[in-house]
Amino acid sequence: TISPQGIVAVCRITDYDLDDVLASGAQLIAVLCEVRDPGNAGTILRAADSAGADAVILTAASVDIHNPKAVRSTAGSLFHL
């Protein structure tokens, strides 16, 4: 960004295998298949969080959800799901 905000925290990246997600008893799972725009991925993740999803799964051809633009567009939902 042109004028970014300061750093508030540094967090470890946590990724879970599909088996872990399915074994967790998740009731509502959003699946992003080949989503390539980081802003769209973040927005979908934020909407899934708002709808009460327990998890979001991204296929291998999808954008990295830890992309800075994706992280910004989740508005914090990335740390909840």
Protein backbone atom coordinates (compact mmCIF):
# COMPACT_ATOMS: atom_id res chain seq x y z
CA THR A 1 0.00 0.00 0.00
CA ILE A 2 1.05 3.61 -0.39
CA SER A 3 0.75 4.53 3.28
CA PRO A 4 0.50 1.31 5.34
CA GLN A 5 -0.43 1.21 8.99
CA GLY A 6 2.13 0.11 11.55
CA ILE A 7 2.60 -3.48 12.68
CA VAL A 8 0.38 -4.50 15.57
CA ALA A 9 1.49 -8.13 15.96
CA VAL A 10 3.52 -10.86 14.36
CA CYS A 11 1.68 -14.19 14.16
CA ARG A 12 2.68 -17.70 13.20
CA ILE A 13 1.03 -19.15 10.13
CA THR A 14 -1.16 -22.12 10.96
CA ASP A 15 -2.22 -24.41 8.16
CA TYR A 16 -4.33 -27.51 8.65
CA ASP A 17 -4.62 -30.60 6.48
CA LEU A 18 -7.99 -31.54 5.02
CA ASP A 19 -8.08 -34.54 7.37
CA ASP A 20 -7.68 -32.23 10.37
CA VAL A 21 -10.53 -30.00 9.22
CA LEU A 22 -12.88 -32.92 8.57
CA ALA A 23 -11.97 -34.59 11.87
CA SER A 24 -12.72 -31.37 13.77
CA GLY A 25 -16.46 -31.82 13.28
CA ALA A 26 -16.83 -28.66 11.18
CA GLN A 27 -20.47 -28.17 10.18
CA LEU A 28 -20.14 -25.45 7.53
CA ILE A 29 -17.09 -25.35 5.26
CA ALA A 30 -16.52 -22.90 2.41
CA VAL A 31 -14.41 -24.27 -0.44
CA LEU A 32 -12.57 -21.84 -2.72
CA CYS A 33 -11.74 -23.57 -5.99
CA GLU A 34 -9.09 -21.85 -8.12
CA VAL A 35 -9.72 -18.38 -6.70
CA ARG A 36 -6.79 -16.41 -8.09
CA ASP A 37 -7.48 -12.85 -6.97
CA PRO A 38 -6.26 -12.25 -3.40
CA GLY A 39 -8.88 -9.56 -2.78
CA ASN A 40 -11.69 -11.92 -3.81
CA ALA A 41 -10.29 -14.74 -1.65
CA GLY A 42 -10.16 -12.46 1.37
CA THR A 43 -13.65 -11.15 0.76
CA ILE A 44 -15.06 -14.69 0.45
CA LEU A 45 -13.25 -15.71 3.64
CA ARG A 46 -14.74 -12.69 5.44
CA ALA A 47 -18.23 -13.57 4.15
CA ALA A 48 -17.80 -17.20 5.22
CA ASP A 49 -16.84 -16.04 8.71
CA SER A 50 -19.88 -13.77 8.81
CA ALA A 51 -22.13 -16.67 7.76
CA GLY A 52 -20.79 -18.80 10.61
CA ALA A 53 -18.49 -21.11 8.66
CA ASP A 54 -16.23 -23.33 10.73
CA ALA A 55 -13.50 -23.54 8.10
CA VAL A 56 -12.42 -22.37 4.66
CA ILE A 57 -10.58 -24.69 2.30
CA LEU A 58 -8.58 -23.40 -0.65
CA THR A 59 -7.66 -25.73 -3.51
CA ALA A 60 -4.06 -25.99 -4.69
CA ALA A 61 -4.72 -23.69 -7.67
CA SER A 62 -6.03 -20.90 -5.43
CA VAL A 63 -4.12 -17.81 -4.32
CA ASP A 64 -2.03 -17.91 -1.15
CA ILE A 65 -4.38 -16.70 1.58
CA HIS A 66 -1.37 -15.18 3.34
CA ASN A 67 -0.84 -12.78 0.44
CA PRO A 68 -0.80 -9.24 1.92
CA LYS A 69 -3.80 -8.14 -0.17
CA ALA A 70 -5.78 -11.21 0.89
CA VAL A 71 -4.93 -10.65 4.55
CA ARG A 72 -6.07 -7.01 4.36
CA SER A 73 -9.33 -7.92 2.63
CA THR A 74 -10.25 -10.49 5.32
CA ALA A 75 -10.49 -7.64 7.84
CA GLY A 76 -9.35 -10.00 10.60
CA SER A 77 -11.46 -13.03 9.71
CA LEU A 78 -8.29 -14.84 8.67
CA PHE A 79 -7.36 -15.07 12.35
CA HIS A 80 -10.78 -16.43 13.30
CA LEU A 81 -11.26 -19.22 10.75
